[in-house]
C-alpha cells in the first residue's frame, strides 16, 4: 500500500506533464543528483526524522556517541582512500590493513611490552610501509597497463594476505587489553574528535592548498597531460597509497582502543564502506574530482544508515547489502554528472 502511494506521488509530480509543480520537482531532483552535499543533507534529514519517529532511542546521547565513534574510524579510513580515488587508483586493502594494524598494535603492547605511544607509532609505520609498497608496485606496472589494473590487483592481494595475517598473528584468538588504561584514552570522545579534526585539516590542506594536492588531481584527471606537464607521477602514487595505508592503520588503532580488545576480524570489509563514503560524498571513482570533506560527509550518511537499520529492527546482515546499493546509486550518479558536464 505504501509503495503504491509513493509511486503515485512520483508519477503525479514528475511524469505528469500537466502538473504545475512538475518543473520544481524535476529541478530539485537534478539538484540532488548534481550537488552531492545537497542530496546527502536531504537524505540525512529524512533518515533522522524517520528513524527518530520509529525509535525514540535514536535521539539519545548514548546512541549518538556510538554513531560518532564508528563514523570517526570510517572517516579517517575514507579520507585516506579519497587520495587514491582522486588520483585515479583504488585501494581495496584498507579494511585488512586496519584489521592487521589492530592486531599488530595489541601484539606490540601485550606480547612484547613496548610502551603504548611507541606501539602506536610503529603501527602507523606498518600501515605506511604497506601503502608505499602498493604505490611502488603500481608505479612499476603503469605503464604499460592502465594504473587501475595494477592497483586493483596488488590491493586485492594485500586485502587477502593481511586479512589472513591478522588471523595468523594469534591463530585467530583475540588479545584482551583491558588492563592498559592509557590505551582507553584514545577512545574518549575528545581525543577521537581531535584525531578526526587533525586528519581532516591535514587532508583538506594537502588537497586544496598544496602543490602536491594539485598533482594528485592532475594525475587523476588526465595522466597523459600530467606526464607531459612534468608532474612526478610515481612520487604522487607513493604518496597517495602511503597516506591511505597510514589512515587505514590509524583506523585500526581507533577500533582496537574502542573495544580494548584486538579481534582479528575487526576492520575486515570496511573498504566497502570507505569507498561508498567517498562515492556518496562526491569523490569520483574515475578520478580527478572530490575532496576529503565529501568523504567525511559520506561516512556520516553511511554510519547513520547503519545505525538506523539496527534501531528500526532490520537484520544487521542487510547492512552490507544496503551499502552496496548505495554505492551503485552513487556510481550511477557520478556517471550522470560526468555526462552532464560533457
C-alpha atoms as a PDB file:
ATOM      1  CA  UNK A   1       0.000   0.000   0.000  1.00  0.00           C
ATOM      2  CA  UNK A   2       2.760   2.421   0.979  1.00  0.00           C
ATOM      3  CA  UNK A   3       4.759   1.533  -2.115  1.00  0.00           C
ATOM      4  CA  UNK A   4       1.760   2.235  -4.332  1.00  0.00           C
ATOM      5  CA  UNK A   5       1.231   5.586  -2.612  1.00  0.00           C
ATOM      6  CA  UNK A   6       4.866   6.581  -3.089  1.00  0.00           C
ATOM      7  CA  UNK A   7       4.796   5.569  -6.750  1.00  0.00           C
ATOM      8  CA  UNK A   8       1.603   7.578  -7.171  1.00  0.00           C
ATOM      9  CA  UNK A   9       3.254  10.693  -5.766  1.00  0.00           C
ATOM     10  CA  UNK A  10       6.301  10.231  -8.027  1.00  0.00           C
ATOM     11  CA  UNK A  11       4.063   9.753 -11.046  1.00  0.00           C
ATOM     12  CA  UNK A  12       1.997  12.822 -10.208  1.00  0.00           C
ATOM     13  CA  UNK A  13       4.929  15.155  -9.555  1.00  0.00           C
ATOM     14  CA  UNK A  14       7.452  14.010 -12.157  1.00  0.00           C
ATOM     15  CA  UNK A  15       5.762  12.191 -15.017  1.00  0.00           C
ATOM     16  CA  UNK A  16       2.501  14.123 -15.216  1.00  0.00           C
ATOM     17  CA  UNK A  17       3.163  16.894 -17.756  1.00  0.00           C
ATOM     18  CA  UNK A  18       0.037  18.784 -16.656  1.00  0.00           C
ATOM     19  CA  UNK A  19       1.163  19.078 -13.042  1.00  0.00           C
ATOM     20  CA  UNK A  20       2.178  22.721 -12.323  1.00  0.00           C
ATOM     21  CA  UNK A  21       4.757  21.521  -9.760  1.00  0.00           C
ATOM     22  CA  UNK A  22       6.480  19.172 -12.213  1.00  0.00           C
ATOM     23  CA  UNK A  23       9.254  21.631 -13.143  1.00  0.00           C
ATOM     24  CA  UNK A  24      10.047  22.341  -9.488  1.00  0.00           C
ATOM     25  CA  UNK A  25      10.140  18.626  -8.694  1.00  0.00           C
ATOM     26  CA  UNK A  26      12.460  17.949 -11.635  1.00  0.00           C
ATOM     27  CA  UNK A  27      14.674  20.887 -10.629  1.00  0.00           C
ATOM     28  CA  UNK A  28      15.047  19.524  -7.101  1.00  0.00           C
ATOM     29  CA  UNK A  29      15.744  16.032  -8.448  1.00  0.00           C
ATOM     30  CA  UNK A  30      18.513  17.393 -10.691  1.00  0.00           C
ATOM     31  CA  UNK A  31      19.984  19.335  -7.775  1.00  0.00           C
ATOM     32  CA  UNK A  32      20.054  16.190  -5.629  1.00  0.00           C
ATOM     33  CA  UNK A  33      21.891  14.324  -8.376  1.00  0.00           C
ATOM     34  CA  UNK A  34      24.292  17.086  -9.434  1.00  0.00           C
ATOM     35  CA  UNK A  35      25.090  18.502  -5.975  1.00  0.00           C
ATOM     36  CA  UNK A  36      26.169  15.659  -3.642  1.00  0.00           C
ATOM     37  CA  UNK A  37      26.213  17.803  -0.486  1.00  0.00           C
ATOM     38  CA  UNK A  38      22.608  18.906  -1.023  1.00  0.00           C
ATOM     39  CA  UNK A  39      21.489  15.334  -1.691  1.00  0.00           C
ATOM     40  CA  UNK A  40      23.329  13.964   1.353  1.00  0.00           C
ATOM     41  CA  UNK A  41      21.959  16.704   3.631  1.00  0.00           C
ATOM     42  CA  UNK A  42      18.431  15.936   2.491  1.00  0.00           C
ATOM     43  CA  UNK A  43      18.990  12.191   2.962  1.00  0.00           C
ATOM     44  CA  UNK A  44      20.390  12.707   6.474  1.00  0.00           C
ATOM     45  CA  UNK A  45      17.392  14.840   7.460  1.00  0.00           C
ATOM     46  CA  UNK A  46      14.886  12.291   6.125  1.00  0.00           C
ATOM     47  CA  UNK A  47      16.655   9.305   7.718  1.00  0.00           C
ATOM     48  CA  UNK A  48      16.948  11.075  11.076  1.00  0.00           C
ATOM     49  CA  UNK A  49      13.260  12.061  11.038  1.00  0.00           C
ATOM     50  CA  UNK A  50      12.009   8.584  10.089  1.00  0.00           C
ATOM     51  CA  UNK A  51      14.306   6.707  12.490  1.00  0.00           C
ATOM     52  CA  UNK A  52      13.508   9.072  15.356  1.00  0.00           C
ATOM     53  CA  UNK A  53       9.791   8.576  14.735  1.00  0.00           C
ATOM     54  CA  UNK A  54      10.128   4.781  14.723  1.00  0.00           C
ATOM     55  CA  UNK A  55      12.521   4.530  17.672  1.00  0.00           C
ATOM     56  CA  UNK A  56      12.901   7.487  20.103  1.00  0.00           C
ATOM     57  CA  UNK A  57      16.192   5.974  21.335  1.00  0.00           C
ATOM     58  CA  UNK A  58      17.723   7.359  18.156  1.00  0.00           C
ATOM     59  CA  UNK A  59      17.938  10.791  19.791  1.00  0.00           C
ATOM     60  CA  UNK A  60      19.678   9.646  22.991  1.00  0.00           C
ATOM     61  CA  UNK A  61      23.182  10.868  23.795  1.00  0.00           C
ATOM     62  CA  UNK A  62      24.429   7.284  24.101  1.00  0.00           C
ATOM     63  CA  UNK A  63      23.248   6.409  20.600  1.00  0.00           C
ATOM     64  CA  UNK A  64      24.839   9.487  19.037  1.00  0.00           C
ATOM     65  CA  UNK A  65      28.117   8.766  20.818  1.00  0.00           C
ATOM     66  CA  UNK A  66      28.035   5.256  19.336  1.00  0.00           C
ATOM     67  CA  UNK A  67      27.332   6.689  15.872  1.00  0.00           C
ATOM     68  CA  UNK A  68      30.127   9.245  16.226  1.00  0.00           C
ATOM     69  CA  UNK A  69      32.729   6.701  17.326  1.00  0.00           C
ATOM     70  CA  UNK A  70      32.015   4.371  14.415  1.00  0.00           C
ATOM     71  CA  UNK A  71      31.916   7.267  11.956  1.00  0.00           C
ATOM     72  CA  UNK A  72      35.281   8.656  13.091  1.00  0.00           C
ATOM     73  CA  UNK A  73      37.142   5.405  12.369  1.00  0.00           C
ATOM     74  CA  UNK A  74      35.409   5.150   8.991  1.00  0.00           C
ATOM     75  CA  UNK A  75      36.026   8.826   8.169  1.00  0.00           C
ATOM     76  CA  UNK A  76      39.759   8.532   8.847  1.00  0.00           C
ATOM     77  CA  UNK A  77      39.959   5.490   6.571  1.00  0.00           C
ATOM     78  CA  UNK A  78      37.779   7.143   3.908  1.00  0.00           C
ATOM     79  CA  UNK A  79      39.935  10.282   3.845  1.00  0.00           C
ATOM     80  CA  UNK A  80      42.995   8.184   3.059  1.00  0.00           C
ATOM     81  CA  UNK A  81      41.041   6.336   0.381  1.00  0.00           C
ATOM     82  CA  UNK A  82      39.944   9.667  -1.126  1.00  0.00           C
ATOM     83  CA  UNK A  83      43.526  10.485  -2.162  1.00  0.00           C
ATOM     84  CA  UNK A  84      43.846   7.176  -4.003  1.00  0.00           C
ATOM     85  CA  UNK A  85      40.482   7.543  -5.747  1.00  0.00           C
ATOM     86  CA  UNK A  86      41.139  11.157  -6.774  1.00  0.00           C
ATOM     87  CA  UNK A  87      44.466  10.059  -8.283  1.00  0.00           C
ATOM     88  CA  UNK A  88      42.620   7.553 -10.459  1.00  0.00           C
ATOM     89  CA  UNK A  89      43.525   4.455  -8.436  1.00  0.00           C
ATOM     90  CA  UNK A  90      41.776   2.260  -5.893  1.00  0.00           C
ATOM     91  CA  UNK A  91      42.772   0.656  -2.590  1.00  0.00           C
ATOM     92  CA  UNK A  92      40.839  -2.491  -1.684  1.00  0.00           C
ATOM     93  CA  UNK A  93      43.155  -3.378   1.196  1.00  0.00           C
ATOM     94  CA  UNK A  94      42.315  -0.654   3.730  1.00  0.00           C
ATOM     95  CA  UNK A  95      39.948  -2.882   5.739  1.00  0.00           C
ATOM     96  CA  UNK A  96      42.512  -5.668   6.022  1.00  0.00           C
ATOM     97  CA  UNK A  97      45.268  -3.171   6.868  1.00  0.00           C
ATOM     98  CA  UNK A  98      43.074  -1.842   9.687  1.00  0.00           C
ATOM     99  CA  UNK A  99      42.462  -5.379  10.976  1.00  0.00           C
ATOM    100  CA  UNK A 100      46.148  -6.314  10.785  1.00  0.00           C
ATOM    101  CA  UNK A 101      47.180  -2.997  12.369  1.00  0.00           C
ATOM    102  CA  UNK A 102      44.874  -3.579  15.321  1.00  0.00           C
ATOM    103  CA  UNK A 103      46.458  -6.984  15.905  1.00  0.00           C
ATOM    104  CA  UNK A 104      49.987  -5.602  15.456  1.00  0.00           C
ATOM    105  CA  UNK A 105      49.268  -2.844  17.990  1.00  0.00           C
ATOM    106  CA  UNK A 106      47.927  -5.331  20.536  1.00  0.00           C
ATOM    107  CA  UNK A 107      50.844  -7.711  19.963  1.00  0.00           C
ATOM    108  CA  UNK A 108      53.410  -4.944  20.448  1.00  0.00           C
ATOM    109  CA  UNK A 109      51.758  -3.751  23.659  1.00  0.00           C
ATOM    110  CA  UNK A 110      50.726  -7.034  25.275  1.00  0.00           C
ATOM    111  CA  UNK A 111      53.167  -9.642  23.981  1.00  0.00           C
ATOM    112  CA  UNK A 112      56.374  -7.624  23.571  1.00  0.00           C
ATOM    113  CA  UNK A 113      55.761  -4.936  26.195  1.00  0.00           C
ATOM    114  CA  UNK A 114      56.525  -1.884  24.064  1.00  0.00           C
ATOM    115  CA  UNK A 115      55.092   1.385  25.504  1.00  0.00           C
ATOM    116  CA  UNK A 116      51.743   2.400  24.045  1.00  0.00           C
ATOM    117  CA  UNK A 117      52.859   5.636  22.270  1.00  0.00           C
ATOM    118  CA  UNK A 118      55.761   3.829  20.572  1.00  0.00           C
ATOM    119  CA  UNK A 119      53.484   0.913  19.664  1.00  0.00           C
ATOM    120  CA  UNK A 120      51.014   3.283  18.017  1.00  0.00           C
ATOM    121  CA  UNK A 121      53.837   4.953  16.083  1.00  0.00           C
ATOM    122  CA  UNK A 122      55.184   1.585  14.904  1.00  0.00           C
ATOM    123  CA  UNK A 123      51.678   0.533  13.882  1.00  0.00           C
ATOM    124  CA  UNK A 124      51.318   3.642  11.731  1.00  0.00           C
ATOM    125  CA  UNK A 125      54.714   2.861  10.160  1.00  0.00           C
ATOM    126  CA  UNK A 126      53.379  -0.631   9.452  1.00  0.00           C
ATOM    127  CA  UNK A 127      50.467   0.880   7.509  1.00  0.00           C
ATOM    128  CA  UNK A 128      52.783   3.347   5.754  1.00  0.00           C
ATOM    129  CA  UNK A 129      55.136   0.587   4.590  1.00  0.00           C
ATOM    130  CA  UNK A 130      52.240  -1.383   3.078  1.00  0.00           C
ATOM    131  CA  UNK A 131      50.967   1.720   1.298  1.00  0.00           C
ATOM    132  CA  UNK A 132      54.412   2.586  -0.086  1.00  0.00           C
ATOM    133  CA  UNK A 133      54.731  -0.962  -1.394  1.00  0.00           C
ATOM    134  CA  UNK A 134      51.389  -0.568  -3.168  1.00  0.00           C
ATOM    135  CA  UNK A 135      52.492   2.745  -4.671  1.00  0.00           C
ATOM    136  CA  UNK A 136      55.772   1.273  -5.895  1.00  0.00           C
ATOM    137  CA  UNK A 137      54.007  -1.727  -7.446  1.00  0.00           C
ATOM    138  CA  UNK A 138      51.510   0.485  -9.280  1.00  0.00           C
ATOM    139  CA  UNK A 139      54.325   2.749 -10.498  1.00  0.00           C
ATOM    140  CA  UNK A 140      56.323  -0.174 -11.892  1.00  0.00           C
ATOM    141  CA  UNK A 141      53.389  -1.614 -13.859  1.00  0.00           C
ATOM    142  CA  UNK A 142      51.834   1.671 -15.026  1.00  0.00           C
ATOM    143  CA  UNK A 143      52.592   1.837 -17.940  1.00  0.00           C
ATOM    144  CA  UNK A 144      52.249  -0.443 -19.844  1.00  0.00           C
ATOM    145  CA  UNK A 145      48.974  -1.163 -18.041  1.00  0.00           C
ATOM    146  CA  UNK A 146      46.376   1.466 -17.035  1.00  0.00           C
ATOM    147  CA  UNK A 147      47.062   2.326 -13.384  1.00  0.00           C
ATOM    148  CA  UNK A 148      43.702   0.983 -12.176  1.00  0.00           C
ATOM    149  CA  UNK A 149      44.684  -2.582 -13.195  1.00  0.00           C
ATOM    150  CA  UNK A 150      47.855  -2.986 -11.066  1.00  0.00           C
ATOM    151  CA  UNK A 151      46.175  -1.003  -8.267  1.00  0.00           C
ATOM    152  CA  UNK A 152      43.216  -3.367  -8.248  1.00  0.00           C
ATOM    153  CA  UNK A 153      45.500  -6.410  -8.411  1.00  0.00           C
ATOM    154  CA  UNK A 154      48.009  -5.537  -5.685  1.00  0.00           C
ATOM    155  CA  UNK A 155      45.472  -4.142  -3.213  1.00  0.00           C
ATOM    156  CA  UNK A 156      43.214  -7.168  -3.722  1.00  0.00           C
ATOM    157  CA  UNK A 157      46.176  -9.451  -2.991  1.00  0.00           C
ATOM    158  CA  UNK A 158      47.002  -7.371   0.107  1.00  0.00           C
ATOM    159  CA  UNK A 159      43.375  -7.498   1.220  1.00  0.00           C
ATOM    160  CA  UNK A 160      43.509 -11.294   1.213  1.00  0.00           C
ATOM    161  CA  UNK A 161      47.048 -11.553   2.626  1.00  0.00           C
ATOM    162  CA  UNK A 162      46.673  -9.132   5.531  1.00  0.00           C
ATOM    163  CA  UNK A 163      43.218 -10.470   6.351  1.00  0.00           C
ATOM    164  CA  UNK A 164      44.915 -13.835   6.862  1.00  0.00           C
ATOM    165  CA  UNK A 165      47.888 -12.178   8.586  1.00  0.00           C
ATOM    166  CA  UNK A 166      45.547 -10.684  11.196  1.00  0.00           C
ATOM    167  CA  UNK A 167      44.271 -14.181  11.943  1.00  0.00           C
ATOM    168  CA  UNK A 168      47.718 -15.802  11.905  1.00  0.00           C
ATOM    169  CA  UNK A 169      49.341 -13.498  14.491  1.00  0.00           C
ATOM    170  CA  UNK A 170      47.432 -15.159  17.337  1.00  0.00           C
ATOM    171  CA  UNK A 171      45.983 -18.168  15.493  1.00  0.00           C
ATOM    172  CA  UNK A 172      42.610 -16.440  15.414  1.00  0.00           C
ATOM    173  CA  UNK A 173      42.472 -15.616  19.131  1.00  0.00           C
ATOM    174  CA  UNK A 174      41.725 -12.055  20.325  1.00  0.00           C
ATOM    175  CA  UNK A 175      44.146 -10.113  22.508  1.00  0.00           C
ATOM    176  CA  UNK A 176      42.499  -8.556  25.568  1.00  0.00           C
ATOM    177  CA  UNK A 177      43.878  -5.139  26.534  1.00  0.00           C
ATOM    178  CA  UNK A 178      41.582  -4.102  29.388  1.00  0.00           C
ATOM    179  CA  UNK A 179      44.495  -3.634  31.796  1.00  0.00           C
ATOM    180  CA  UNK A 180      46.105  -0.959  29.604  1.00  0.00           C
ATOM    181  CA  UNK A 181      44.160   2.082  30.745  1.00  0.00           C
ATOM    182  CA  UNK A 182      46.293   4.524  28.774  1.00  0.00           C
ATOM    183  CA  UNK A 183      45.084   2.955  25.513  1.00  0.00           C
ATOM    184  CA  UNK A 184      41.487   3.626  26.557  1.00  0.00           C
ATOM    185  CA  UNK A 185      42.237   7.370  26.445  1.00  0.00           C
ATOM    186  CA  UNK A 186      42.426   7.149  22.656  1.00  0.00           C
ATOM    187  CA  UNK A 187      38.766   6.087  22.549  1.00  0.00           C
ATOM    188  CA  UNK A 188      37.453   9.039  24.569  1.00  0.00           C
ATOM    189  CA  UNK A 189      35.239  11.379  22.570  1.00  0.00           C
ATOM    190  CA  UNK A 190      37.524  14.468  22.851  1.00  0.00           C
ATOM    191  CA  UNK A 191      40.568  12.508  21.624  1.00  0.00           C
ATOM    192  CA  UNK A 192      38.612  10.879  18.789  1.00  0.00           C
ATOM    193  CA  UNK A 193      37.224  14.225  17.645  1.00  0.00           C
ATOM    194  CA  UNK A 194      40.733  15.707  17.814  1.00  0.00           C
ATOM    195  CA  UNK A 195      42.080  12.862  15.653  1.00  0.00           C
ATOM    196  CA  UNK A 196      39.277  13.428  13.146  1.00  0.00           C
ATOM    197  CA  UNK A 197      39.865  17.189  13.008  1.00  0.00           C
ATOM    198  CA  UNK A 198      43.641  16.872  12.599  1.00  0.00           C
ATOM    199  CA  UNK A 199      43.257  14.276   9.838  1.00  0.00           C
ATOM    200  CA  UNK A 200      40.573  16.354   8.116  1.00  0.00           C
ATOM    201  CA  UNK A 201      42.543  19.617   8.279  1.00  0.00           C
ATOM    202  CA  UNK A 202      45.702  17.925   7.003  1.00  0.00           C
ATOM    203  CA  UNK A 203      43.849  16.133   4.189  1.00  0.00           C
ATOM    204  CA  UNK A 204      41.911  19.199   3.053  1.00  0.00           C
ATOM    205  CA  UNK A 205      45.020  21.389   3.207  1.00  0.00           C
ATOM    206  CA  UNK A 206      47.033  18.972   1.066  1.00  0.00           C
ATOM    207  CA  UNK A 207      44.228  18.560  -1.464  1.00  0.00           C
ATOM    208  CA  UNK A 208      43.221  22.190  -1.792  1.00  0.00           C
ATOM    209  CA  UNK A 209      46.189  24.342  -0.857  1.00  0.00           C
ATOM    210  CA  UNK A 210      49.369  22.459  -1.772  1.00  0.00           C
ATOM    211  CA  UNK A 211      51.236  21.706  -4.983  1.00  0.00           C
ATOM    212  CA  UNK A 212      51.149  18.020  -4.068  1.00  0.00           C
ATOM    213  CA  UNK A 213      47.356  18.163  -3.957  1.00  0.00           C
ATOM    214  CA  UNK A 214      47.224  19.745  -7.410  1.00  0.00           C
ATOM    215  CA  UNK A 215      49.461  16.961  -8.661  1.00  0.00           C
ATOM    216  CA  UNK A 216      47.051  14.355  -7.251  1.00  0.00           C
ATOM    217  CA  UNK A 217      44.113  15.913  -9.123  1.00  0.00           C
ATOM    218  CA  UNK A 218      46.211  16.240 -12.282  1.00  0.00           C
ATOM    219  CA  UNK A 219      47.158  12.553 -12.264  1.00  0.00           C
ATOM    220  CA  UNK A 220      43.548  11.518 -11.707  1.00  0.00           C
ATOM    221  CA  UNK A 221      42.126  13.969 -14.224  1.00  0.00           C
ATOM    222  CA  UNK A 222      44.349  13.131 -17.185  1.00  0.00           C
ATOM    223  CA  UNK A 223      47.516  11.177 -16.549  1.00  0.00           C
ATOM    224  CA  UNK A 224      48.911  11.741 -20.050  1.00  0.00           C
ATOM    225  CA  UNK A 225      48.626  15.521 -19.741  1.00  0.00           C
ATOM    226  CA  UNK A 226      50.104  15.316 -16.231  1.00  0.00           C
ATOM    227  CA  UNK A 227      53.082  13.348 -17.546  1.00  0.00           C
ATOM    228  CA  UNK A 228      53.697  15.856 -20.348  1.00  0.00           C
ATOM    229  CA  UNK A 229      53.409  18.721 -17.835  1.00  0.00           C
ATOM    230  CA  UNK A 230      56.203  17.272 -15.737  1.00  0.00           C
ATOM    231  CA  UNK A 231      54.121  16.018 -12.806  1.00  0.00           C
ATOM    232  CA  UNK A 232      56.164  13.450 -10.786  1.00  0.00           C
ATOM    233  CA  UNK A 233      53.550  10.725 -11.222  1.00  0.00           C
ATOM    234  CA  UNK A 234      55.429   7.948  -9.410  1.00  0.00           C
ATOM    235  CA  UNK A 235      56.040  10.154  -6.363  1.00  0.00           C
ATOM    236  CA  UNK A 236      52.350  11.076  -6.331  1.00  0.00           C
ATOM    237  CA  UNK A 237      51.429   7.388  -6.338  1.00  0.00           C
ATOM    238  CA  UNK A 238      53.831   6.659  -3.496  1.00  0.00           C
ATOM    239  CA  UNK A 239      52.269   9.472  -1.501  1.00  0.00           C
ATOM    240  CA  UNK A 240      48.585   8.631  -2.060  1.00  0.00           C
ATOM    241  CA  UNK A 241      48.971   4.931  -1.292  1.00  0.00           C
ATOM    242  CA  UNK A 242      51.276   5.646   1.638  1.00  0.00           C
ATOM    243  CA  UNK A 243      48.783   8.142   3.073  1.00  0.00           C
ATOM    244  CA  UNK A 244      45.971   5.640   2.586  1.00  0.00           C
ATOM    245  CA  UNK A 245      47.972   2.993   4.442  1.00  0.00           C
ATOM    246  CA  UNK A 246      48.631   5.317   7.382  1.00  0.00           C
ATOM    247  CA  UNK A 247      44.955   6.299   7.621  1.00  0.00           C
ATOM    248  CA  UNK A 248      43.895   2.638   7.496  1.00  0.00           C
ATOM    249  CA  UNK A 249      46.361   1.790  10.272  1.00  0.00           C
ATOM    250  CA  UNK A 250      45.065   4.732  12.321  1.00  0.00           C
ATOM    251  CA  UNK A 251      41.515   3.420  11.872  1.00  0.00           C
ATOM    252  CA  UNK A 252      42.762   0.066  13.188  1.00  0.00           C
ATOM    253  CA  UNK A 253      44.240   1.791  16.243  1.00  0.00           C
ATOM    254  CA  UNK A 254      40.909   3.540  16.869  1.00  0.00           C
ATOM    255  CA  UNK A 255      38.932   0.300  16.538  1.00  0.00           C
ATOM    256  CA  UNK A 256      41.225  -1.510  18.974  1.00  0.00           C
ATOM    257  CA  UNK A 257      41.091   1.308  21.529  1.00  0.00           C
ATOM    258  CA  UNK A 258      37.292   1.431  21.329  1.00  0.00           C
ATOM    259  CA  UNK A 259      36.900  -2.254  22.216  1.00  0.00           C
ATOM    260  CA  UNK A 260      40.079  -2.602  24.310  1.00  0.00           C
ATOM    261  CA  UNK A 261      40.385  -5.976  22.635  1.00  0.00           C
ATOM    262  CA  UNK A 262      42.036  -6.757  19.307  1.00  0.00           C
ATOM    263  CA  UNK A 263      39.875  -9.099  17.255  1.00  0.00           C
ATOM    264  CA  UNK A 264      41.390 -10.477  14.014  1.00  0.00           C
ATOM    265  CA  UNK A 265      38.230  -9.701  12.051  1.00  0.00           C
ATOM    266  CA  UNK A 266      37.726  -6.109  13.194  1.00  0.00           C
ATOM    267  CA  UNK A 267      38.005  -3.861  10.157  1.00  0.00           C
ATOM    268  CA  UNK A 268      37.584  -6.555   7.521  1.00  0.00           C
ATOM    269  CA  UNK A 269      35.082  -5.336   4.955  1.00  0.00           C
ATOM    270  CA  UNK A 270      35.440  -1.660   5.902  1.00  0.00           C
ATOM    271  CA  UNK A 271      36.904  -0.941   2.469  1.00  0.00           C
ATOM    272  CA  UNK A 272      33.383  -1.206   1.030  1.00  0.00           C
ATOM    273  CA  UNK A 273      32.138   1.443   3.453  1.00  0.00           C
ATOM    274  CA  UNK A 274      35.203   3.652   2.790  1.00  0.00           C
ATOM    275  CA  UNK A 275      34.738   3.532  -0.983  1.00  0.00           C
ATOM    276  CA  UNK A 276      30.972   4.036  -0.652  1.00  0.00           C
ATOM    277  CA  UNK A 277      31.524   7.036   1.654  1.00  0.00           C
ATOM    278  CA  UNK A 278      33.730   8.657  -0.967  1.00  0.00           C
ATOM    279  CA  UNK A 279      31.365   7.898  -3.831  1.00  0.00           C
ATOM    280  CA  UNK A 280      28.383   9.254  -1.905  1.00  0.00           C
ATOM    281  CA  UNK A 281      30.404  12.319  -0.861  1.00  0.00           C
ATOM    282  CA  UNK A 282      31.178  13.319  -4.440  1.00  0.00           C
ATOM    283  CA  UNK A 283      34.602  11.723  -4.925  1.00  0.00           C
ATOM    284  CA  UNK A 284      34.601  10.373  -8.468  1.00  0.00           C
ATOM    285  CA  UNK A 285      35.618   6.729  -8.800  1.00  0.00           C
ATOM    286  CA  UNK A 286      37.006   7.690 -12.223  1.00  0.00           C
ATOM    287  CA  UNK A 287      39.482  10.086 -10.586  1.00  0.00           C
ATOM    288  CA  UNK A 288      40.178  13.805 -10.699  1.00  0.00           C
ATOM    289  CA  UNK A 289      37.210  15.012  -8.618  1.00  0.00           C
ATOM    290  CA  UNK A 290      36.149  15.226  -4.978  1.00  0.00           C
ATOM    291  CA  UNK A 291      37.748  16.014  -1.646  1.00  0.00           C
ATOM    292  CA  UNK A 292      38.233  14.655   1.861  1.00  0.00           C
ATOM    293  CA  UNK A 293      35.328  16.697   3.246  1.00  0.00           C
ATOM    294  CA  UNK A 294      32.976  14.765   0.977  1.00  0.00           C
ATOM    295  CA  UNK A 295      34.397  11.518   2.374  1.00  0.00           C
ATOM    296  CA  UNK A 296      33.564  12.677   5.910  1.00  0.00           C
ATOM    297  CA  UNK A 297      30.015  13.660   4.972  1.00  0.00           C
ATOM    298  CA  UNK A 298      29.565  10.382   3.120  1.00  0.00           C
ATOM    299  CA  UNK A 299      30.843   8.478   6.167  1.00  0.00           C
ATOM    300  CA  UNK A 300      28.294  10.268   8.327  1.00  0.00           C
ATOM    301  CA  UNK A 301      25.487   9.212   5.991  1.00  0.00           C
ATOM    302  CA  UNK A 302      26.690   5.588   5.862  1.00  0.00           C
ATOM    303  CA  UNK A 303      27.023   5.489   9.655  1.00  0.00           C
ATOM    304  CA  UNK A 304      23.586   6.999  10.099  1.00  0.00           C
ATOM    305  CA  UNK A 305      22.014   4.460   7.742  1.00  0.00           C
ATOM    306  CA  UNK A 306      23.804   1.621   9.540  1.00  0.00           C
ATOM    307  CA  UNK A 307      22.528   2.806  12.911  1.00  0.00           C
ATOM    308  CA  UNK A 308      19.009   3.417  11.593  1.00  0.00           C
ATOM    309  CA  UNK A 309      18.743  -0.104  10.193  1.00  0.00           C
ATOM    310  CA  UNK A 310      19.615  -1.554  13.587  1.00  0.00           C
ATOM    311  CA  UNK A 311      17.216   0.708  15.515  1.00  0.00           C
ATOM    312  CA  UNK A 312      14.319   0.021  13.153  1.00  0.00           C
ATOM    313  CA  UNK A 313      14.690  -3.726  13.614  1.00  0.00           C
ATOM    314  CA  UNK A 314      16.329  -4.582  10.296  1.00  0.00           C
ATOM    315  CA  UNK A 315      18.738  -7.514  10.485  1.00  0.00           C
ATOM    316  CA  UNK A 316      22.373  -6.333  10.674  1.00  0.00           C
ATOM    317  CA  UNK A 317      23.180  -8.840   7.940  1.00  0.00           C
ATOM    318  CA  UNK A 318      21.481  -6.488   5.474  1.00  0.00           C
ATOM    319  CA  UNK A 319      23.835  -3.596   6.223  1.00  0.00           C
ATOM    320  CA  UNK A 320      26.447  -4.507   3.609  1.00  0.00           C
ATOM    321  CA  UNK A 321      23.725  -5.198   1.039  1.00  0.00           C
ATOM    322  CA  UNK A 322      22.240  -1.748   1.598  1.00  0.00           C
ATOM    323  CA  UNK A 323      25.725  -0.218   1.400  1.00  0.00           C
ATOM    324  CA  UNK A 324      26.239  -1.976  -1.925  1.00  0.00           C
ATOM    325  CA  UNK A 325      23.016  -0.455  -3.244  1.00  0.00           C
ATOM    326  CA  UNK A 326      24.123   2.988  -2.046  1.00  0.00           C
ATOM    327  CA  UNK A 327      27.472   2.523  -3.799  1.00  0.00           C
ATOM    328  CA  UNK A 328      25.716   1.530  -7.031  1.00  0.00           C
ATOM    329  CA  UNK A 329      23.471   4.602  -6.874  1.00  0.00           C
ATOM    330  CA  UNK A 330      26.494   6.825  -6.177  1.00  0.00           C
ATOM    331  CA  UNK A 331      28.389   5.409  -9.168  1.00  0.00           C
ATOM    332  CA  UNK A 332      25.419   5.937 -11.495  1.00  0.00           C
ATOM    333  CA  UNK A 333      25.022   9.470 -10.146  1.00  0.00           C
ATOM    334  CA  UNK A 334      28.722  10.162 -10.759  1.00  0.00           C
ATOM    335  CA  UNK A 335      28.404   8.927 -14.344  1.00  0.00           C
ATOM    336  CA  UNK A 336      25.370  11.174 -14.841  1.00  0.00           C
ATOM    337  CA  UNK A 337      27.280  14.199 -13.539  1.00  0.00           C
ATOM    338  CA  UNK A 338      30.204  13.498 -15.864  1.00  0.00           C
ATOM    339  CA  UNK A 339      27.956  13.068 -18.903  1.00  0.00           C
ATOM    340  CA  UNK A 340      26.096  16.247 -17.988  1.00  0.00           C
ATOM    341  CA  UNK A 341      29.360  18.213 -17.794  1.00  0.00           C
ATOM    342  CA  UNK A 342      30.415  16.922 -21.213  1.00  0.00           C
END
